Amino acid sequence: MASLNLFFETITKSLAGGLNMPLGLQLPALRQEESLSLSISAITQISQFTAPLYELKTLTGCSCRVSVGTAGSSLAEAGPSDFTVDVTGTKFNGTLNLNTAGINALTDRQSGVYFEILITEASGATFGRRFPVFIEKAVYLAGTLTVPAGDTALGKLEAARMYVKKEGAAGDGFILTSEDGTRKGIIYWHNDGSFRAEPIS
């Protein structure tokens, strides 16, 4: 499980890598089918030059929502029930599942994809912003095997006609058809230990 620790500045709506790091953090590329462990703190800038540059906001009574998708379309989402506030009351901890059909349908590192943070205070006031992010397509996909579009799964009879059994039931043989399709014959293993060939039609 990948982890991402974010510090969201509530006035400029920018990201920082920590309390004493400048704003302007660029999000790393995310990987499809990932389960992303998130830690999100809300901060307010109190200094431009000397540490500490920011102070943590108290998040008790607040809620958090994180979405990944394109403009107007959420493809993966973690809502308020997916986040808890830690014991200090200054950090949201939660998990964002990226293994969704919408995320998996994106092309590799597709542009126009955003990571959006929305924090709602107890008063009902909200602050948030979306940030550009790339989704990297996985080489190995954990999903189940699917039949390619336009292909048809074989039925029992079709499979029996197409594949040779490793071991058949007693008395089983191979039915062969003549080149012109008008004659059929069976080849089987006789009780005396010899191969026999008999016409059927």
Protein backbone atom coordinates (compact mmCIF):
# COMPACT_ATOMS: atom_id res chain seq x y z
CA MET A 1 0.00 0.00 0.00
CA ALA A 2 1.42 3.37 -1.04
CA SER A 3 1.40 6.28 1.40
CA LEU A 4 0.94 10.00 0.80
CA ASN A 5 1.36 12.68 3.50
CA LEU A 6 -0.07 16.06 2.52
CA PHE A 7 -0.19 19.50 4.15
CA PHE A 8 -2.98 21.61 2.65
CA GLU A 9 -2.59 25.38 3.14
CA THR A 10 -6.09 26.75 3.63
CA ILE A 11 -5.48 30.35 2.51
CA THR A 12 -3.53 29.90 -0.73
CA LYS A 13 -5.02 26.44 -1.36
CA SER A 14 -1.56 25.00 -2.02
CA LEU A 15 0.28 21.90 -0.88
CA ALA A 16 3.43 21.73 1.21
CA GLY A 17 5.54 18.70 2.08
CA GLY A 18 5.62 19.60 5.78
CA LEU A 19 5.31 22.37 8.35
CA ASN A 20 8.73 23.82 7.48
CA MET A 21 8.67 23.24 3.74
CA PRO A 22 7.67 25.81 1.09
CA LEU A 23 4.39 25.62 -0.79
CA GLY A 24 4.10 24.25 -4.31
CA LEU A 25 4.43 20.52 -3.73
CA GLN A 26 3.81 18.53 -6.93
CA LEU A 27 1.92 15.30 -6.44
CA PRO A 28 3.73 12.11 -7.45
CA ALA A 29 2.21 9.89 -10.12
CA LEU A 30 -0.30 7.44 -8.74
CA ARG A 31 -0.64 3.85 -9.89
CA GLN A 32 -3.88 2.27 -11.02
CA GLU A 33 -5.20 -0.56 -8.81
CA GLU A 34 -3.40 0.97 -5.81
CA SER A 35 -4.81 1.34 -2.33
CA LEU A 36 -3.47 4.72 -1.24
CA SER A 37 -2.96 5.44 2.47
CA LEU A 38 -3.55 9.17 3.03
CA SER A 39 -2.59 11.53 5.84
CA ILE A 40 -3.90 15.06 5.35
CA SER A 41 -3.21 18.05 7.59
CA ALA A 42 -4.67 21.53 7.18
CA ILE A 43 -2.18 24.33 7.79
CA THR A 44 -2.08 28.13 7.84
CA GLN A 45 1.00 30.13 6.94
CA ILE A 46 2.39 32.22 9.81
CA SER A 47 5.86 33.08 8.45
CA GLN A 48 7.56 33.40 5.07
CA PHE A 49 11.19 33.08 6.10
CA THR A 50 11.71 31.58 9.55
CA ALA A 51 10.53 28.23 10.91
CA PRO A 52 7.88 27.31 11.71
CA LEU A 53 6.41 28.53 8.45
CA TYR A 54 2.93 27.20 9.22
CA GLU A 55 0.72 26.17 12.08
CA LEU A 56 -1.63 23.19 12.16
CA LYS A 57 -5.36 23.77 12.18
CA THR A 58 -7.57 21.79 14.53
CA LEU A 59 -9.71 19.38 12.52
CA THR A 60 -11.99 18.11 15.28
CA GLY A 61 -15.56 18.33 13.99
CA CYS A 62 -14.39 18.71 10.39
CA SER A 63 -14.81 16.22 7.56
CA CYS A 64 -12.64 15.38 4.55
CA ARG A 65 -13.33 14.16 1.05
CA VAL A 66 -10.73 13.22 -1.57
CA SER A 67 -11.58 12.51 -5.21
CA VAL A 68 -9.53 11.55 -8.25
CA GLY A 69 -10.97 12.05 -11.71
CA THR A 70 -11.55 14.44 -14.58
CA ALA A 71 -13.41 17.76 -14.44
CA GLY A 72 -16.95 17.06 -13.25
CA SER A 73 -16.41 13.30 -13.01
CA SER A 74 -15.13 11.50 -9.90
CA LEU A 75 -13.48 8.19 -10.81
CA ALA A 76 -12.27 7.22 -7.31
CA GLU A 77 -13.36 8.73 -4.04
CA ALA A 78 -12.83 8.57 -0.27
CA GLY A 79 -15.61 10.28 1.67
CA PRO A 80 -16.00 11.44 5.28
CA SER A 81 -16.68 7.91 6.52
CA ASP A 82 -13.31 6.79 5.09
CA PHE A 83 -11.32 9.28 7.23
CA THR A 84 -10.67 9.56 10.94
CA VAL A 85 -9.01 12.41 12.84
CA ASP A 86 -5.92 11.31 14.77
CA VAL A 87 -5.46 11.75 18.54
CA THR A 88 -3.84 15.19 18.09
CA GLY A 89 -6.94 16.44 16.27
CA THR A 90 -4.79 17.83 13.43
CA LYS A 91 -4.62 15.07 10.82
CA PHE A 92 -7.05 13.09 8.72
CA ASN A 93 -6.07 9.46 8.14
CA GLY A 94 -7.81 7.35 5.52
CA THR A 95 -7.52 5.15 2.47
CA LEU A 96 -8.32 5.92 -1.16
CA ASN A 97 -9.00 2.90 -3.36
CA LEU A 98 -7.79 3.53 -6.93
CA ASN A 99 -8.84 0.09 -8.16
CA THR A 100 -11.99 1.32 -9.89
CA ALA A 101 -13.33 0.85 -13.40
CA GLY A 102 -13.05 4.59 -14.04
CA ILE A 103 -9.39 4.79 -13.04
CA ASN A 104 -8.50 1.62 -14.95
CA ALA A 105 -10.14 3.04 -18.10
CA LEU A 106 -7.74 6.02 -18.18
CA THR A 107 -4.84 5.97 -20.60
CA ASP A 108 -1.29 5.95 -19.24
CA ARG A 109 -0.41 9.34 -17.66
CA GLN A 110 -3.50 10.91 -19.21
CA SER A 111 -3.66 14.70 -18.92
CA GLY A 112 -6.65 16.44 -17.39
CA VAL A 113 -6.80 14.16 -14.36
CA TYR A 114 -7.03 15.78 -10.91
CA PHE A 115 -6.58 14.96 -7.23
CA GLU A 116 -9.11 17.01 -5.27
CA ILE A 117 -9.18 17.73 -1.53
CA LEU A 118 -12.30 19.14 0.10
CA ILE A 119 -12.42 19.88 3.85
CA THR A 120 -15.66 20.94 5.51
CA GLU A 121 -15.56 22.70 8.86
CA ALA A 122 -18.08 22.16 11.64
CA SER A 123 -19.67 25.50 10.71
CA GLY A 124 -20.37 24.18 7.21
CA ALA A 125 -17.68 26.30 5.55
CA THR A 126 -15.62 24.40 3.00
CA PHE A 127 -12.19 24.86 1.49
CA GLY A 128 -10.58 22.75 -1.17
CA ARG A 129 -8.78 22.60 -4.47
CA ARG A 130 -7.90 20.19 -7.25
CA PHE A 131 -4.31 19.41 -8.24
CA PRO A 132 -3.05 17.85 -11.49
CA VAL A 133 -1.97 14.23 -11.12
CA PHE A 134 -0.94 11.42 -13.43
CA ILE A 135 -2.20 7.85 -13.19
CA GLU A 136 0.36 5.31 -14.33
CA LYS A 137 -0.99 2.17 -15.95
CA ALA A 138 0.09 -1.04 -14.29
CA VAL A 139 2.07 -3.62 -16.26
CA TYR A 140 0.57 -6.45 -14.23
CA LEU A 141 -3.19 -6.23 -13.66
CA ALA A 142 -4.69 -7.99 -10.67
CA GLY A 143 -8.15 -8.24 -12.24
CA THR A 144 -9.75 -11.46 -13.42
CA LEU A 145 -9.21 -12.82 -16.92
CA THR A 146 -11.78 -11.53 -19.39
CA VAL A 147 -12.77 -12.76 -22.84
CA PRO A 148 -11.51 -10.35 -25.54
CA ALA A 149 -14.18 -8.28 -27.30
CA GLY A 150 -15.62 -10.16 -30.25
CA ASP A 151 -14.42 -13.54 -28.97
CA THR A 152 -16.85 -16.34 -28.04
CA ALA A 153 -16.38 -18.69 -25.12
CA LEU A 154 -16.45 -22.40 -26.10
CA GLY A 155 -19.30 -24.61 -25.01
CA LYS A 156 -18.73 -28.11 -23.63
CA LEU A 157 -19.35 -29.84 -26.96
CA GLU A 158 -17.16 -27.39 -28.92
CA ALA A 159 -14.33 -27.77 -26.43
CA ALA A 160 -14.61 -31.58 -26.59
CA ARG A 161 -14.32 -31.44 -30.37
CA MET A 162 -11.40 -29.02 -30.35
CA TYR A 163 -9.14 -30.40 -27.62
CA VAL A 164 -7.69 -33.90 -27.22
CA LYS A 165 -8.25 -35.40 -23.79
CA LYS A 166 -5.19 -36.37 -21.80
CA GLU A 167 -7.09 -39.41 -20.55
CA GLY A 168 -10.53 -40.47 -21.68
CA ALA A 169 -13.11 -42.75 -20.15
CA ALA A 170 -13.00 -46.49 -20.88
CA GLY A 171 -14.10 -47.14 -24.47
CA ASP A 172 -13.51 -43.56 -25.66
CA GLY A 173 -12.01 -43.07 -29.10
CA PHE A 174 -11.25 -40.40 -31.65
CA ILE A 175 -13.84 -39.62 -34.30
CA LEU A 176 -12.34 -38.54 -37.62
CA THR A 177 -14.10 -36.98 -40.61
CA SER A 178 -13.10 -37.49 -44.22
CA GLU A 179 -11.76 -34.57 -46.24
CA ASP A 180 -15.03 -34.12 -48.12
CA GLY A 181 -17.04 -34.34 -44.89
CA THR A 182 -19.15 -37.31 -46.03
CA ARG A 183 -17.53 -40.13 -44.03
CA LYS A 184 -16.80 -40.60 -40.33
CA GLY A 185 -14.73 -43.22 -38.57
CA ILE A 186 -13.56 -43.99 -35.05
CA ILE A 187 -10.11 -45.00 -33.86
CA TYR A 188 -9.97 -46.70 -30.46
CA TRP A 189 -7.80 -48.93 -28.28
CA HIS A 190 -9.08 -52.50 -28.29
CA ASN A 191 -9.10 -54.84 -25.30
CA ASP A 192 -6.39 -56.97 -26.96
CA GLY A 193 -3.99 -54.01 -26.89
CA SER A 194 -4.25 -53.04 -30.55
CA PHE A 195 -5.57 -49.94 -32.26
CA ARG A 196 -8.78 -50.49 -34.21
CA ALA A 197 -10.39 -48.29 -36.82
CA GLU A 198 -14.04 -48.68 -37.67
CA PRO A 199 -16.26 -46.73 -40.09
CA ILE A 200 -19.26 -44.97 -38.59
CA SER A 201 -20.88 -43.62 -41.76
